[in-house]
Amino acid sequence: MALFELGRVVVTRMALEFCDEHSISIDTMLARHQRGDWGDYMDAVDRRANDDAVKYDDRVISSYVFDQGRVWIITEADRSSTCI
């Protein structure tokens, strides 16, 4: 179940190339982000900040770590856009 809207989704060239090269699904990461799975190596403070951000319309940040590197997903506070 989606906790918030993503708005317009944009992907940087580096993120797209990284995901393509390593067969990482952008759709899967977006689904995790949108349902409140904030990713890997997010401490309790970061997770709480995201939980509060969903409630109070603030920026939401997720971090997904792979052997080859990390991908960040950021949804703006006004939910107008999400950048990978």
C-alpha atoms as a PDB file:
ATOM      1  CA  MET A   1       0.000   0.000   0.000  1.00  0.00           C
ATOM      2  CA  ALA A   2       1.408   3.373  -1.015  1.00  0.00           C
ATOM      3  CA  LEU A   3       1.973   5.783   1.874  1.00  0.00           C
ATOM      4  CA  PHE A   4       2.427   8.847  -0.340  1.00  0.00           C
ATOM      5  CA  GLU A   5       2.414  10.022  -3.937  1.00  0.00           C
ATOM      6  CA  LEU A   6       5.664  10.064  -5.909  1.00  0.00           C
ATOM      7  CA  GLY A   7       4.771  12.874  -8.293  1.00  0.00           C
ATOM      8  CA  ARG A   8       6.892  13.021 -11.424  1.00  0.00           C
ATOM      9  CA  VAL A   9       9.649  10.395 -11.245  1.00  0.00           C
ATOM     10  CA  VAL A  10      13.030  11.315 -12.690  1.00  0.00           C
ATOM     11  CA  VAL A  11      16.195   9.247 -12.827  1.00  0.00           C
ATOM     12  CA  THR A  12      19.700  10.639 -13.130  1.00  0.00           C
ATOM     13  CA  ARG A  13      21.802   9.252 -15.943  1.00  0.00           C
ATOM     14  CA  MET A  14      24.265   7.722 -13.466  1.00  0.00           C
ATOM     15  CA  ALA A  15      21.493   5.983 -11.519  1.00  0.00           C
ATOM     16  CA  LEU A  16      19.932   4.650 -14.714  1.00  0.00           C
ATOM     17  CA  GLU A  17      23.265   3.348 -16.002  1.00  0.00           C
ATOM     18  CA  PHE A  18      24.078   1.791 -12.602  1.00  0.00           C
ATOM     19  CA  CYS A  19      20.720   0.014 -12.406  1.00  0.00           C
ATOM     20  CA  ASP A  20      20.911  -1.165 -16.018  1.00  0.00           C
ATOM     21  CA  GLU A  21      24.477  -2.418 -15.633  1.00  0.00           C
ATOM     22  CA  HIS A  22      23.679  -4.381 -12.465  1.00  0.00           C
ATOM     23  CA  SER A  23      20.139  -5.533 -13.360  1.00  0.00           C
ATOM     24  CA  ILE A  24      18.585  -3.572 -10.497  1.00  0.00           C
ATOM     25  CA  SER A  25      14.872  -2.877 -10.790  1.00  0.00           C
ATOM     26  CA  ILE A  26      13.993   0.783 -10.407  1.00  0.00           C
ATOM     27  CA  ASP A  27      10.312  -0.155 -10.109  1.00  0.00           C
ATOM     28  CA  THR A  28      11.062  -2.455  -7.173  1.00  0.00           C
ATOM     29  CA  MET A  29      13.013   0.268  -5.355  1.00  0.00           C
ATOM     30  CA  LEU A  30      10.239   2.799  -5.979  1.00  0.00           C
ATOM     31  CA  ALA A  31       7.654   0.376  -4.598  1.00  0.00           C
ATOM     32  CA  ARG A  32       9.770  -0.195  -1.482  1.00  0.00           C
ATOM     33  CA  HIS A  33      10.232   3.555  -1.026  1.00  0.00           C
ATOM     34  CA  GLN A  34       6.531   4.282  -1.454  1.00  0.00           C
ATOM     35  CA  ARG A  35       5.427   1.626   1.048  1.00  0.00           C
ATOM     36  CA  GLY A  36       7.819   2.794   3.788  1.00  0.00           C
ATOM     37  CA  ASP A  37      10.759   0.426   3.337  1.00  0.00           C
ATOM     38  CA  TRP A  38      13.419   3.124   3.657  1.00  0.00           C
ATOM     39  CA  GLY A  39      16.219   0.834   2.584  1.00  0.00           C
ATOM     40  CA  ASP A  40      19.548  -0.203   3.951  1.00  0.00           C
ATOM     41  CA  TYR A  41      21.777   1.324   6.600  1.00  0.00           C
ATOM     42  CA  MET A  42      19.116   3.796   7.675  1.00  0.00           C
ATOM     43  CA  ASP A  43      19.395   4.199  11.434  1.00  0.00           C
ATOM     44  CA  ALA A  44      16.467   4.658  13.810  1.00  0.00           C
ATOM     45  CA  VAL A  45      16.700   8.447  13.583  1.00  0.00           C
ATOM     46  CA  ASP A  46      16.525   8.374   9.762  1.00  0.00           C
ATOM     47  CA  ARG A  47      13.628   5.914   9.784  1.00  0.00           C
ATOM     48  CA  ARG A  48      11.716   8.030  12.317  1.00  0.00           C
ATOM     49  CA  ALA A  49      12.390  11.177  10.262  1.00  0.00           C
ATOM     50  CA  ASN A  50      10.917   9.480   7.181  1.00  0.00           C
ATOM     51  CA  ASP A  51       7.911   8.194   9.122  1.00  0.00           C
ATOM     52  CA  ASP A  52       7.281  11.742  10.358  1.00  0.00           C
ATOM     53  CA  ALA A  53       7.873  13.139   6.859  1.00  0.00           C
ATOM     54  CA  VAL A  54       5.076  10.957   5.513  1.00  0.00           C
ATOM     55  CA  LYS A  55       2.699  12.225   8.214  1.00  0.00           C
ATOM     56  CA  TYR A  56       3.670  15.886   7.996  1.00  0.00           C
ATOM     57  CA  ASP A  57       4.433  16.276   4.281  1.00  0.00           C
ATOM     58  CA  ASP A  58       8.188  16.644   4.453  1.00  0.00           C
ATOM     59  CA  ARG A  59      10.902  15.264   2.164  1.00  0.00           C
ATOM     60  CA  VAL A  60      11.301  11.460   2.191  1.00  0.00           C
ATOM     61  CA  ILE A  61      14.705   9.863   1.556  1.00  0.00           C
ATOM     62  CA  SER A  62      15.511   6.187   1.023  1.00  0.00           C
ATOM     63  CA  SER A  63      18.853   4.492   0.461  1.00  0.00           C
ATOM     64  CA  TYR A  64      19.255   1.098  -1.174  1.00  0.00           C
ATOM     65  CA  VAL A  65      22.674  -0.532  -0.927  1.00  0.00           C
ATOM     66  CA  PHE A  66      24.005  -3.147  -3.321  1.00  0.00           C
ATOM     67  CA  ASP A  67      27.401  -4.838  -3.554  1.00  0.00           C
ATOM     68  CA  GLN A  68      28.251  -2.479  -6.414  1.00  0.00           C
ATOM     69  CA  GLY A  69      27.079   0.753  -4.786  1.00  0.00           C
ATOM     70  CA  ARG A  70      24.128   2.722  -3.422  1.00  0.00           C
ATOM     71  CA  VAL A  71      20.995   4.250  -4.923  1.00  0.00           C
ATOM     72  CA  TRP A  72      19.169   7.132  -3.235  1.00  0.00           C
ATOM     73  CA  ILE A  73      15.510   7.971  -3.785  1.00  0.00           C
ATOM     74  CA  ILE A  74      14.210  11.369  -2.693  1.00  0.00           C
ATOM     75  CA  THR A  75      10.577  12.469  -2.793  1.00  0.00           C
ATOM     76  CA  GLU A  76      10.034  16.199  -2.356  1.00  0.00           C
ATOM     77  CA  ALA A  77       7.910  17.532   0.481  1.00  0.00           C
ATOM     78  CA  ASP A  78       5.146  18.763  -1.829  1.00  0.00           C
ATOM     79  CA  ARG A  79       5.088  15.310  -3.521  1.00  0.00           C
ATOM     80  CA  SER A  80       5.546  16.944  -6.905  1.00  0.00           C
ATOM     81  CA  SER A  81       8.558  14.796  -7.809  1.00  0.00           C
ATOM     82  CA  THR A  82      10.772  11.897  -6.880  1.00  0.00           C
ATOM     83  CA  CYS A  83      14.400  11.669  -7.975  1.00  0.00           C
ATOM     84  CA  ILE A  84      16.458   8.511  -8.183  1.00  0.00           C
END
